[in-house]
Amino acid sequence: MKSAAMLKPAAVAAMVKAEDREIERAAFWLLVPPPARVVAMMVSRLPRERANDPLTAFSTAERHAIAMALTMLESHVGMALRCMRDDAPATRAQLH
């Protein structure tokens, strides 16, 4: 890897910005309520004890798997919410 002295100022700034975003994500992960983090582990088929791990403890592959599982859960929870509400269905069938 190139040393910081060999990089252009814009490249160094981009590296710092990326590191700042990761620190921010790690801080927000700690703000997610523990039960929600447990659910995230369960839907991604990781041990529930990992819910207490800092964000930096997860590999890129684990983070991707968690994100995919949470996206699917978000969709399913949204459907369950619509089922529980007393709203008109989003789609209607027409009988001929």
PDB file of N, CA and C in Angstrom:
ATOM      1  N   MET A   1       0.839  -1.174   0.000  1.00  0.00           N
ATOM      2  CA  MET A   1       0.000   0.000   0.000  1.00  0.00           C
ATOM      3  C   MET A   1       0.882   1.234   0.000  1.00  0.00           C
ATOM      4  N   LYS A   2       0.445   2.261  -0.685  1.00  0.00           N
ATOM      5  CA  LYS A   2       1.199   3.505  -0.730  1.00  0.00           C
ATOM      6  C   LYS A   2       1.155   4.187   0.620  1.00  0.00           C
ATOM      7  N   SER A   3       2.249   4.880   0.964  1.00  0.00           N
ATOM      8  CA  SER A   3       2.222   5.645   2.199  1.00  0.00           C
ATOM      9  C   SER A   3       1.427   6.919   1.966  1.00  0.00           C
ATOM     10  N   ALA A   4       0.959   7.536   3.054  1.00  0.00           N
ATOM     11  CA  ALA A   4       0.157   8.752   2.943  1.00  0.00           C
ATOM     12  C   ALA A   4       0.929   9.856   2.248  1.00  0.00           C
ATOM     13  N   ALA A   5       2.260   9.871   2.375  1.00  0.00           N
ATOM     14  CA  ALA A   5       3.068  10.915   1.746  1.00  0.00           C
ATOM     15  C   ALA A   5       3.037  10.796   0.225  1.00  0.00           C
ATOM     16  N   MET A   6       2.790   9.582  -0.290  1.00  0.00           N
ATOM     17  CA  MET A   6       2.780   9.369  -1.732  1.00  0.00           C
ATOM     18  C   MET A   6       1.392   9.604  -2.331  1.00  0.00           C
ATOM     19  N   LEU A   7       0.366   9.672  -1.513  1.00  0.00           N
ATOM     20  CA  LEU A   7      -0.990   9.856  -2.008  1.00  0.00           C
ATOM     21  C   LEU A   7      -1.297  11.333  -2.202  1.00  0.00           C
ATOM     22  N   LYS A   8      -2.170  11.596  -3.145  1.00  0.00           N
ATOM     23  CA  LYS A   8      -2.623  12.965  -3.358  1.00  0.00           C
ATOM     24  C   LYS A   8      -3.551  13.371  -2.223  1.00  0.00           C
ATOM     25  N   PRO A   9      -3.640  14.669  -1.913  1.00  0.00           N
ATOM     26  CA  PRO A   9      -4.513  15.120  -0.826  1.00  0.00           C
ATOM     27  C   PRO A   9      -5.960  14.645  -0.974  1.00  0.00           C
ATOM     28  N   ALA A  10      -6.469  14.607  -2.189  1.00  0.00           N
ATOM     29  CA  ALA A  10      -7.852  14.159  -2.404  1.00  0.00           C
ATOM     30  C   ALA A  10      -8.012  12.685  -2.020  1.00  0.00           C
ATOM     31  N   ALA A  11      -6.998  11.883  -2.316  1.00  0.00           N
ATOM     32  CA  ALA A  11      -7.058  10.457  -1.984  1.00  0.00           C
ATOM     33  C   ALA A  11      -7.028  10.257  -0.471  1.00  0.00           C
ATOM     34  N   VAL A  12      -6.202  11.025   0.210  1.00  0.00           N
ATOM     35  CA  VAL A  12      -6.127  10.942   1.671  1.00  0.00           C
ATOM     36  C   VAL A  12      -7.462  11.379   2.274  1.00  0.00           C
ATOM     37  N   ALA A  13      -8.040  12.459   1.753  1.00  0.00           N
ATOM     38  CA  ALA A  13      -9.322  12.948   2.253  1.00  0.00           C
ATOM     39  C   ALA A  13     -10.412  11.897   2.069  1.00  0.00           C
ATOM     40  N   ALA A  14     -10.403  11.197   0.938  1.00  0.00           N
ATOM     41  CA  ALA A  14     -11.397  10.157   0.673  1.00  0.00           C
ATOM     42  C   ALA A  14     -11.245   9.005   1.655  1.00  0.00           C
ATOM     43  N   MET A  15     -10.009   8.638   1.965  1.00  0.00           N
ATOM     44  CA  MET A  15      -9.761   7.568   2.930  1.00  0.00           C
ATOM     45  C   MET A  15     -10.261   7.966   4.315  1.00  0.00           C
ATOM     46  N   VAL A  16     -10.001   9.189   4.714  1.00  0.00           N
ATOM     47  CA  VAL A  16     -10.457   9.675   6.021  1.00  0.00           C
ATOM     48  C   VAL A  16     -11.977   9.707   6.069  1.00  0.00           C
ATOM     49  N   LYS A  17     -12.603  10.155   4.982  1.00  0.00           N
ATOM     50  CA  LYS A  17     -14.061  10.231   4.917  1.00  0.00           C
ATOM     51  C   LYS A  17     -14.675   8.834   5.044  1.00  0.00           C
ATOM     52  N   ALA A  18     -14.093   7.856   4.368  1.00  0.00           N
ATOM     53  CA  ALA A  18     -14.597   6.480   4.440  1.00  0.00           C
ATOM     54  C   ALA A  18     -14.456   5.936   5.857  1.00  0.00           C
ATOM     55  N   GLU A  19     -13.342   6.242   6.512  1.00  0.00           N
ATOM     56  CA  GLU A  19     -13.134   5.796   7.886  1.00  0.00           C
ATOM     57  C   GLU A  19     -14.132   6.470   8.828  1.00  0.00           C
ATOM     58  N   ASP A  20     -14.416   7.749   8.603  1.00  0.00           N
ATOM     59  CA  ASP A  20     -15.394   8.466   9.416  1.00  0.00           C
ATOM     60  C   ASP A  20     -16.786   7.850   9.268  1.00  0.00           C
ATOM     61  N   ARG A  21     -17.151   7.457   8.038  1.00  0.00           N
ATOM     62  CA  ARG A  21     -18.460   6.836   7.814  1.00  0.00           C
ATOM     63  C   ARG A  21     -18.556   5.502   8.556  1.00  0.00           C
ATOM     64  N   GLU A  22     -17.474   4.748   8.567  1.00  0.00           N
ATOM     65  CA  GLU A  22     -17.472   3.460   9.267  1.00  0.00           C
ATOM     66  C   GLU A  22     -17.607   3.668  10.780  1.00  0.00           C
ATOM     67  N   ILE A  23     -16.932   4.674  11.305  1.00  0.00           N
ATOM     68  CA  ILE A  23     -17.042   4.993  12.735  1.00  0.00           C
ATOM     69  C   ILE A  23     -18.479   5.404  13.058  1.00  0.00           C
ATOM     70  N   GLU A  24     -19.086   6.176  12.173  1.00  0.00           N
ATOM     71  CA  GLU A  24     -20.472   6.612  12.376  1.00  0.00           C
ATOM     72  C   GLU A  24     -21.424   5.417  12.349  1.00  0.00           C
ATOM     73  N   ARG A  25     -21.236   4.506  11.386  1.00  0.00           N
ATOM     74  CA  ARG A  25     -22.076   3.302  11.307  1.00  0.00           C
ATOM     75  C   ARG A  25     -21.922   2.463  12.576  1.00  0.00           C
ATOM     76  N   ALA A  26     -20.684   2.326  13.055  1.00  0.00           N
ATOM     77  CA  ALA A  26     -20.433   1.538  14.266  1.00  0.00           C
ATOM     78  C   ALA A  26     -21.131   2.155  15.469  1.00  0.00           C
ATOM     79  N   ALA A  27     -21.138   3.472  15.544  1.00  0.00           N
ATOM     80  CA  ALA A  27     -21.816   4.153  16.661  1.00  0.00           C
ATOM     81  C   ALA A  27     -23.322   3.942  16.573  1.00  0.00           C
ATOM     82  N   PHE A  28     -23.896   4.028  15.379  1.00  0.00           N
ATOM     83  CA  PHE A  28     -25.331   3.825  15.229  1.00  0.00           C
ATOM     84  C   PHE A  28     -25.725   2.382  15.529  1.00  0.00           C
ATOM     85  N   TRP A  29     -24.854   1.419  15.205  1.00  0.00           N
ATOM     86  CA  TRP A  29     -25.140   0.013  15.512  1.00  0.00           C
ATOM     87  C   TRP A  29     -25.356  -0.157  17.016  1.00  0.00           C
ATOM     88  N   LEU A  30     -24.582   0.560  17.816  1.00  0.00           N
ATOM     89  CA  LEU A  30     -24.732   0.475  19.269  1.00  0.00           C
ATOM     90  C   LEU A  30     -26.039   1.103  19.755  1.00  0.00           C
ATOM     91  N   LEU A  31     -26.626   1.995  18.949  1.00  0.00           N
ATOM     92  CA  LEU A  31     -27.889   2.628  19.315  1.00  0.00           C
ATOM     93  C   LEU A  31     -29.105   1.758  18.967  1.00  0.00           C
ATOM     94  N   VAL A  32     -28.901   0.743  18.146  1.00  0.00           N
ATOM     95  CA  VAL A  32     -30.003  -0.172  17.812  1.00  0.00           C
ATOM     96  C   VAL A  32     -30.322  -0.957  19.084  1.00  0.00           C
ATOM     97  N   PRO A  33     -31.592  -0.992  19.491  1.00  0.00           N
ATOM     98  CA  PRO A  33     -31.939  -1.714  20.720  1.00  0.00           C
ATOM     99  C   PRO A  33     -31.484  -3.178  20.658  1.00  0.00           C
ATOM    100  N   PRO A  34     -30.975  -3.712  21.767  1.00  0.00           N
ATOM    101  CA  PRO A  34     -30.490  -5.102  21.771  1.00  0.00           C
ATOM    102  C   PRO A  34     -31.486  -6.122  21.227  1.00  0.00           C
ATOM    103  N   PRO A  35     -32.791  -6.043  21.544  1.00  0.00           N
ATOM    104  CA  PRO A  35     -33.704  -7.031  20.948  1.00  0.00           C
ATOM    105  C   PRO A  35     -33.727  -6.968  19.415  1.00  0.00           C
ATOM    106  N   ALA A  36     -33.614  -5.793  18.848  1.00  0.00           N
ATOM    107  CA  ALA A  36     -33.590  -5.661  17.388  1.00  0.00           C
ATOM    108  C   ALA A  36     -32.304  -6.255  16.820  1.00  0.00           C
ATOM    109  N   ARG A  37     -31.198  -6.091  17.531  1.00  0.00           N
ATOM    110  CA  ARG A  37     -29.933  -6.694  17.065  1.00  0.00           C
ATOM    111  C   ARG A  37     -30.012  -8.210  17.150  1.00  0.00           C
ATOM    112  N   VAL A  38     -30.689  -8.736  18.180  1.00  0.00           N
ATOM    113  CA  VAL A  38     -30.873 -10.185  18.297  1.00  0.00           C
ATOM    114  C   VAL A  38     -31.685 -10.697  17.111  1.00  0.00           C
ATOM    115  N   VAL A  39     -32.752  -9.995  16.746  1.00  0.00           N
ATOM    116  CA  VAL A  39     -33.568 -10.384  15.597  1.00  0.00           C
ATOM    117  C   VAL A  39     -32.710 -10.376  14.328  1.00  0.00           C
ATOM    118  N   ALA A  40     -31.862  -9.376  14.189  1.00  0.00           N
ATOM    119  CA  ALA A  40     -30.978  -9.306  13.014  1.00  0.00           C
ATOM    120  C   ALA A  40     -30.090 -10.544  12.933  1.00  0.00           C
ATOM    121  N   MET A  41     -29.589 -10.989  14.076  1.00  0.00           N
ATOM    122  CA  MET A  41     -28.738 -12.187  14.082  1.00  0.00           C
ATOM    123  C   MET A  41     -29.560 -13.423  13.742  1.00  0.00           C
ATOM    124  N   MET A  42     -30.760 -13.502  14.314  1.00  0.00           N
ATOM    125  CA  MET A  42     -31.591 -14.685  14.093  1.00  0.00           C
ATOM    126  C   MET A  42     -31.999 -14.829  12.630  1.00  0.00           C
ATOM    127  N   VAL A  43     -32.421 -13.730  11.989  1.00  0.00           N
ATOM    128  CA  VAL A  43     -32.863 -13.840  10.589  1.00  0.00           C
ATOM    129  C   VAL A  43     -31.698 -14.099   9.650  1.00  0.00           C
ATOM    130  N   SER A  44     -30.490 -13.728  10.078  1.00  0.00           N
ATOM    131  CA  SER A  44     -29.322 -14.000   9.227  1.00  0.00           C
ATOM    132  C   SER A  44     -28.613 -15.291   9.622  1.00  0.00           C
ATOM    133  N   ARG A  45     -29.246 -16.050  10.525  1.00  0.00           N
ATOM    134  CA  ARG A  45     -28.755 -17.368  10.958  1.00  0.00           C
ATOM    135  C   ARG A  45     -27.359 -17.298  11.593  1.00  0.00           C
ATOM    136  N   LEU A  46     -27.135 -16.236  12.351  1.00  0.00           N
ATOM    137  CA  LEU A  46     -25.914 -16.109  13.135  1.00  0.00           C
ATOM    138  C   LEU A  46     -26.287 -16.320  14.599  1.00  0.00           C
ATOM    139  N   PRO A  47     -25.328 -16.729  15.429  1.00  0.00           N
ATOM    140  CA  PRO A  47     -25.650 -16.913  16.847  1.00  0.00           C
ATOM    141  C   PRO A  47     -26.170 -15.616  17.466  1.00  0.00           C
ATOM    142  N   ARG A  48     -27.221 -15.714  18.255  1.00  0.00           N
ATOM    143  CA  ARG A  48     -27.826 -14.519  18.850  1.00  0.00           C
ATOM    144  C   ARG A  48     -26.851 -13.771  19.753  1.00  0.00           C
ATOM    145  N   GLU A  49     -25.847 -14.455  20.272  1.00  0.00           N
ATOM    146  CA  GLU A  49     -24.843 -13.799  21.120  1.00  0.00           C
ATOM    147  C   GLU A  49     -24.044 -12.745  20.345  1.00  0.00           C
ATOM    148  N   ARG A  50     -24.010 -12.908  19.029  1.00  0.00           N
ATOM    149  CA  ARG A  50     -23.269 -11.943  18.191  1.00  0.00           C
ATOM    150  C   ARG A  50     -23.937 -10.573  18.180  1.00  0.00           C
ATOM    151  N   ALA A  51     -25.172 -10.484  18.663  1.00  0.00           N
ATOM    152  CA  ALA A  51     -25.882  -9.202  18.712  1.00  0.00           C
ATOM    153  C   ALA A  51     -25.138  -8.202  19.591  1.00  0.00           C
ATOM    154  N   ASN A  52     -24.337  -8.693  20.512  1.00  0.00           N
ATOM    155  CA  ASN A  52     -23.572  -7.812  21.398  1.00  0.00           C
ATOM    156  C   ASN A  52     -22.220  -7.416  20.818  1.00  0.00           C
ATOM    157  N   ASP A  53     -21.862  -7.988  19.683  1.00  0.00           N
ATOM    158  CA  ASP A  53     -20.573  -7.666  19.051  1.00  0.00           C
ATOM    159  C   ASP A  53     -20.598  -6.260  18.467  1.00  0.00           C
ATOM    160  N   PRO A  54     -19.463  -5.569  18.496  1.00  0.00           N
ATOM    161  CA  PRO A  54     -19.399  -4.285  17.801  1.00  0.00           C
ATOM    162  C   PRO A  54     -19.473  -4.516  16.293  1.00  0.00           C
ATOM    163  N   LEU A  55     -19.879  -3.510  15.569  1.00  0.00           N
ATOM    164  CA  LEU A  55     -20.027  -3.631  14.120  1.00  0.00           C
ATOM    165  C   LEU A  55     -18.729  -4.080  13.454  1.00  0.00           C
ATOM    166  N   THR A  56     -17.621  -3.635  13.973  1.00  0.00           N
ATOM    167  CA  THR A  56     -16.322  -3.972  13.377  1.00  0.00           C
ATOM    168  C   THR A  56     -15.969  -5.448  13.524  1.00  0.00           C
ATOM    169  N   ALA A  57     -16.696  -6.177  14.368  1.00  0.00           N
ATOM    170  CA  ALA A  57     -16.418  -7.602  14.553  1.00  0.00           C
ATOM    171  C   ALA A  57     -16.990  -8.453  13.417  1.00  0.00           C
ATOM    172  N   PHE A  58     -17.870  -7.870  12.608  1.00  0.00           N
ATOM    173  CA  PHE A  58     -18.489  -8.615  11.518  1.00  0.00           C
ATOM    174  C   PHE A  58     -17.657  -8.485  10.250  1.00  0.00           C
ATOM    175  N   SER A  59     -17.482  -9.606   9.571  1.00  0.00           N
ATOM    176  CA  SER A  59     -16.765  -9.574   8.293  1.00  0.00           C
ATOM    177  C   SER A  59     -17.661  -8.914   7.240  1.00  0.00           C
ATOM    178  N   THR A  60     -17.065  -8.605   6.108  1.00  0.00           N
ATOM    179  CA  THR A  60     -17.836  -8.019   5.008  1.00  0.00           C
ATOM    180  C   THR A  60     -18.930  -8.986   4.555  1.00  0.00           C
ATOM    181  N   ALA A  61     -18.604 -10.265   4.490  1.00  0.00           N
ATOM    182  CA  ALA A  61     -19.593 -11.265   4.076  1.00  0.00           C
ATOM    183  C   ALA A  61     -20.734 -11.362   5.090  1.00  0.00           C
ATOM    184  N   GLU A  62     -20.398 -11.329   6.383  1.00  0.00           N
ATOM    185  CA  GLU A  62     -21.444 -11.382   7.410  1.00  0.00           C
ATOM    186  C   GLU A  62     -22.338 -10.148   7.335  1.00  0.00           C
ATOM    187  N   ARG A  63     -21.726  -8.981   7.155  1.00  0.00           N
ATOM    188  CA  ARG A  63     -22.512  -7.757   7.072  1.00  0.00           C
ATOM    189  C   ARG A  63     -23.441  -7.791   5.866  1.00  0.00           C
ATOM    190  N   HIS A  64     -22.963  -8.329   4.759  1.00  0.00           N
ATOM    191  CA  HIS A  64     -23.793  -8.450   3.561  1.00  0.00           C
ATOM    192  C   HIS A  64     -24.961  -9.409   3.825  1.00  0.00           C
ATOM    193  N   ALA A  65     -24.677 -10.545   4.457  1.00  0.00           N
ATOM    194  CA  ALA A  65     -25.728 -11.525   4.756  1.00  0.00           C
ATOM    195  C   ALA A  65     -26.767 -10.930   5.709  1.00  0.00           C
ATOM    196  N   ILE A  66     -26.315 -10.181   6.704  1.00  0.00           N
ATOM    197  CA  ILE A  66     -27.228  -9.541   7.644  1.00  0.00           C
ATOM    198  C   ILE A  66     -28.089  -8.519   6.917  1.00  0.00           C
ATOM    199  N   ALA A  67     -27.482  -7.716   6.060  1.00  0.00           N
ATOM    200  CA  ALA A  67     -28.227  -6.696   5.317  1.00  0.00           C
ATOM    201  C   ALA A  67     -29.289  -7.341   4.427  1.00  0.00           C
ATOM    202  N   MET A  68     -28.938  -8.427   3.749  1.00  0.00           N
ATOM    203  CA  MET A  68     -29.906  -9.112   2.888  1.00  0.00           C
ATOM    204  C   MET A  68     -31.051  -9.697   3.708  1.00  0.00           C
ATOM    205  N   ALA A  69     -30.719 -10.314   4.842  1.00  0.00           N
ATOM    206  CA  ALA A  69     -31.744 -10.912   5.694  1.00  0.00           C
ATOM    207  C   ALA A  69     -32.666  -9.834   6.260  1.00  0.00           C
ATOM    208  N   LEU A  70     -32.107  -8.692   6.642  1.00  0.00           N
ATOM    209  CA  LEU A  70     -32.926  -7.607   7.183  1.00  0.00           C
ATOM    210  C   LEU A  70     -33.822  -6.992   6.111  1.00  0.00           C
ATOM    211  N   THR A  71     -33.345  -6.936   4.888  1.00  0.00           N
ATOM    212  CA  THR A  71     -34.164  -6.418   3.793  1.00  0.00           C
ATOM    213  C   THR A  71     -35.376  -7.325   3.579  1.00  0.00           C
ATOM    214  N   MET A  72     -35.138  -8.637   3.609  1.00  0.00           N
ATOM    215  CA  MET A  72     -36.237  -9.583   3.450  1.00  0.00           C
ATOM    216  C   MET A  72     -37.195  -9.475   4.643  1.00  0.00           C
ATOM    217  N   LEU A  73     -36.651  -9.367   5.855  1.00  0.00           N
ATOM    218  CA  LEU A  73     -37.489  -9.227   7.044  1.00  0.00           C
ATOM    219  C   LEU A  73     -38.332  -7.960   6.976  1.00  0.00           C
ATOM    220  N   GLU A  74     -37.724  -6.874   6.511  1.00  0.00           N
ATOM    221  CA  GLU A  74     -38.447  -5.607   6.375  1.00  0.00           C
ATOM    222  C   GLU A  74     -39.676  -5.785   5.477  1.00  0.00           C
ATOM    223  N   SER A  75     -39.503  -6.497   4.398  1.00  0.00           N
ATOM    224  CA  SER A  75     -40.608  -6.758   3.475  1.00  0.00           C
ATOM    225  C   SER A  75     -41.687  -7.597   4.153  1.00  0.00           C
ATOM    226  N   HIS A  76     -41.278  -8.649   4.852  1.00  0.00           N
ATOM    227  CA  HIS A  76     -42.241  -9.529   5.509  1.00  0.00           C
ATOM    228  C   HIS A  76     -42.965  -8.819   6.646  1.00  0.00           C
ATOM    229  N   VAL A  77     -42.252  -8.015   7.403  1.00  0.00           N
ATOM    230  CA  VAL A  77     -42.882  -7.285   8.507  1.00  0.00           C
ATOM    231  C   VAL A  77     -43.871  -6.259   7.952  1.00  0.00           C
ATOM    232  N   GLY A  78     -43.513  -5.634   6.842  1.00  0.00           N
ATOM    233  CA  GLY A  78     -44.435  -4.690   6.209  1.00  0.00           C
ATOM    234  C   GLY A  78     -45.735  -5.358   5.790  1.00  0.00           C
ATOM    235  N   MET A  79     -45.630  -6.563   5.239  1.00  0.00           N
ATOM    236  CA  MET A  79     -46.823  -7.311   4.843  1.00  0.00           C
ATOM    237  C   MET A  79     -47.636  -7.695   6.077  1.00  0.00           C
ATOM    238  N   ALA A  80     -46.962  -8.140   7.131  1.00  0.00           N
ATOM    239  CA  ALA A  80     -47.661  -8.499   8.368  1.00  0.00           C
ATOM    240  C   ALA A  80     -48.373  -7.280   8.957  1.00  0.00           C
ATOM    241  N   LEU A  81     -47.740  -6.124   8.891  1.00  0.00           N
ATOM    242  CA  LEU A  81     -48.350  -4.893   9.391  1.00  0.00           C
ATOM    243  C   LEU A  81     -49.613  -4.567   8.609  1.00  0.00           C
ATOM    244  N   ARG A  82     -49.543  -4.693   7.272  1.00  0.00           N
ATOM    245  CA  ARG A  82     -50.727  -4.419   6.456  1.00  0.00           C
ATOM    246  C   ARG A  82     -51.845  -5.408   6.774  1.00  0.00           C
ATOM    247  N   CYS A  83     -51.488  -6.644   7.093  1.00  0.00           N
ATOM    248  CA  CYS A  83     -52.505  -7.638   7.458  1.00  0.00           C
ATOM    249  C   CYS A  83     -53.181  -7.279   8.778  1.00  0.00           C
ATOM    250  N   MET A  84     -52.427  -6.722   9.699  1.00  0.00           N
ATOM    251  CA  MET A  84     -52.962  -6.407  11.027  1.00  0.00           C
ATOM    252  C   MET A  84     -53.791  -5.129  11.055  1.00  0.00           C
ATOM    253  N   ARG A  85     -53.532  -4.231  10.129  1.00  0.00           N
ATOM    254  CA  ARG A  85     -54.297  -2.983  10.084  1.00  0.00           C
ATOM    255  C   ARG A  85     -55.677  -3.221   9.490  1.00  0.00           C
ATOM    256  N   ASP A  86     -56.573  -2.305   9.769  1.00  0.00           N
ATOM    257  CA  ASP A  86     -57.929  -2.403   9.241  1.00  0.00           C
ATOM    258  C   ASP A  86     -58.036  -1.573   7.960  1.00  0.00           C
ATOM    259  N   ASP A  87     -57.040  -1.710   7.104  1.00  0.00           N
ATOM    260  CA  ASP A  87     -57.006  -0.972   5.839  1.00  0.00           C
ATOM    261  C   ASP A  87     -57.604  -1.824   4.725  1.00  0.00           C
ATOM    262  N   ALA A  88     -57.962  -1.133   3.668  1.00  0.00           N
ATOM    263  CA  ALA A  88     -58.395  -1.857   2.474  1.00  0.00           C
ATOM    264  C   ALA A  88     -57.182  -2.557   1.874  1.00  0.00           C
ATOM    265  N   PRO A  89     -57.362  -3.731   1.314  1.00  0.00           N
ATOM    266  CA  PRO A  89     -56.223  -4.428   0.705  1.00  0.00           C
ATOM    267  C   PRO A  89     -55.573  -3.585  -0.395  1.00  0.00           C
ATOM    268  N   ALA A  90     -54.290  -3.783  -0.574  1.00  0.00           N
ATOM    269  CA  ALA A  90     -53.559  -3.022  -1.585  1.00  0.00           C
ATOM    270  C   ALA A  90     -53.946  -3.469  -2.992  1.00  0.00           C
ATOM    271  N   THR A  91     -54.351  -4.718  -3.132  1.00  0.00           N
ATOM    272  CA  THR A  91     -54.772  -5.215  -4.435  1.00  0.00           C
ATOM    273  C   THR A  91     -56.171  -5.799  -4.306  1.00  0.00           C
ATOM    274  N   ARG A  92     -56.898  -5.764  -5.378  1.00  0.00           N
ATOM    275  CA  ARG A  92     -58.262  -6.317  -5.385  1.00  0.00           C
ATOM    276  C   ARG A  92     -58.415  -7.266  -6.565  1.00  0.00           C
ATOM    277  N   ALA A  93     -59.196  -8.270  -6.344  1.00  0.00           N
ATOM    278  CA  ALA A  93     -59.476  -9.211  -7.417  1.00  0.00           C
ATOM    279  C   ALA A  93     -60.833  -8.880  -8.005  1.00  0.00           C
ATOM    280  N   GLN A  94     -60.934  -8.908  -9.310  1.00  0.00           N
ATOM    281  CA  GLN A  94     -62.201  -8.658  -9.987  1.00  0.00           C
ATOM    282  C   GLN A  94     -62.775  -9.998 -10.446  1.00  0.00           C
ATOM    283  N   LEU A  95     -63.993 -10.260 -10.033  1.00  0.00           N
ATOM    284  CA  LEU A  95     -64.656 -11.472 -10.480  1.00  0.00           C
ATOM    285  C   LEU A  95     -65.447 -11.151 -11.735  1.00  0.00           C
ATOM    286  N   HIS A  96     -65.372 -12.020 -12.743  1.00  0.00           N
ATOM    287  CA  HIS A  96     -66.071 -11.793 -14.005  1.00  0.00           C
ATOM    288  C   HIS A  96     -67.304 -12.625 -14.083  1.00  0.00           C
TER     289      HIS A  96
END
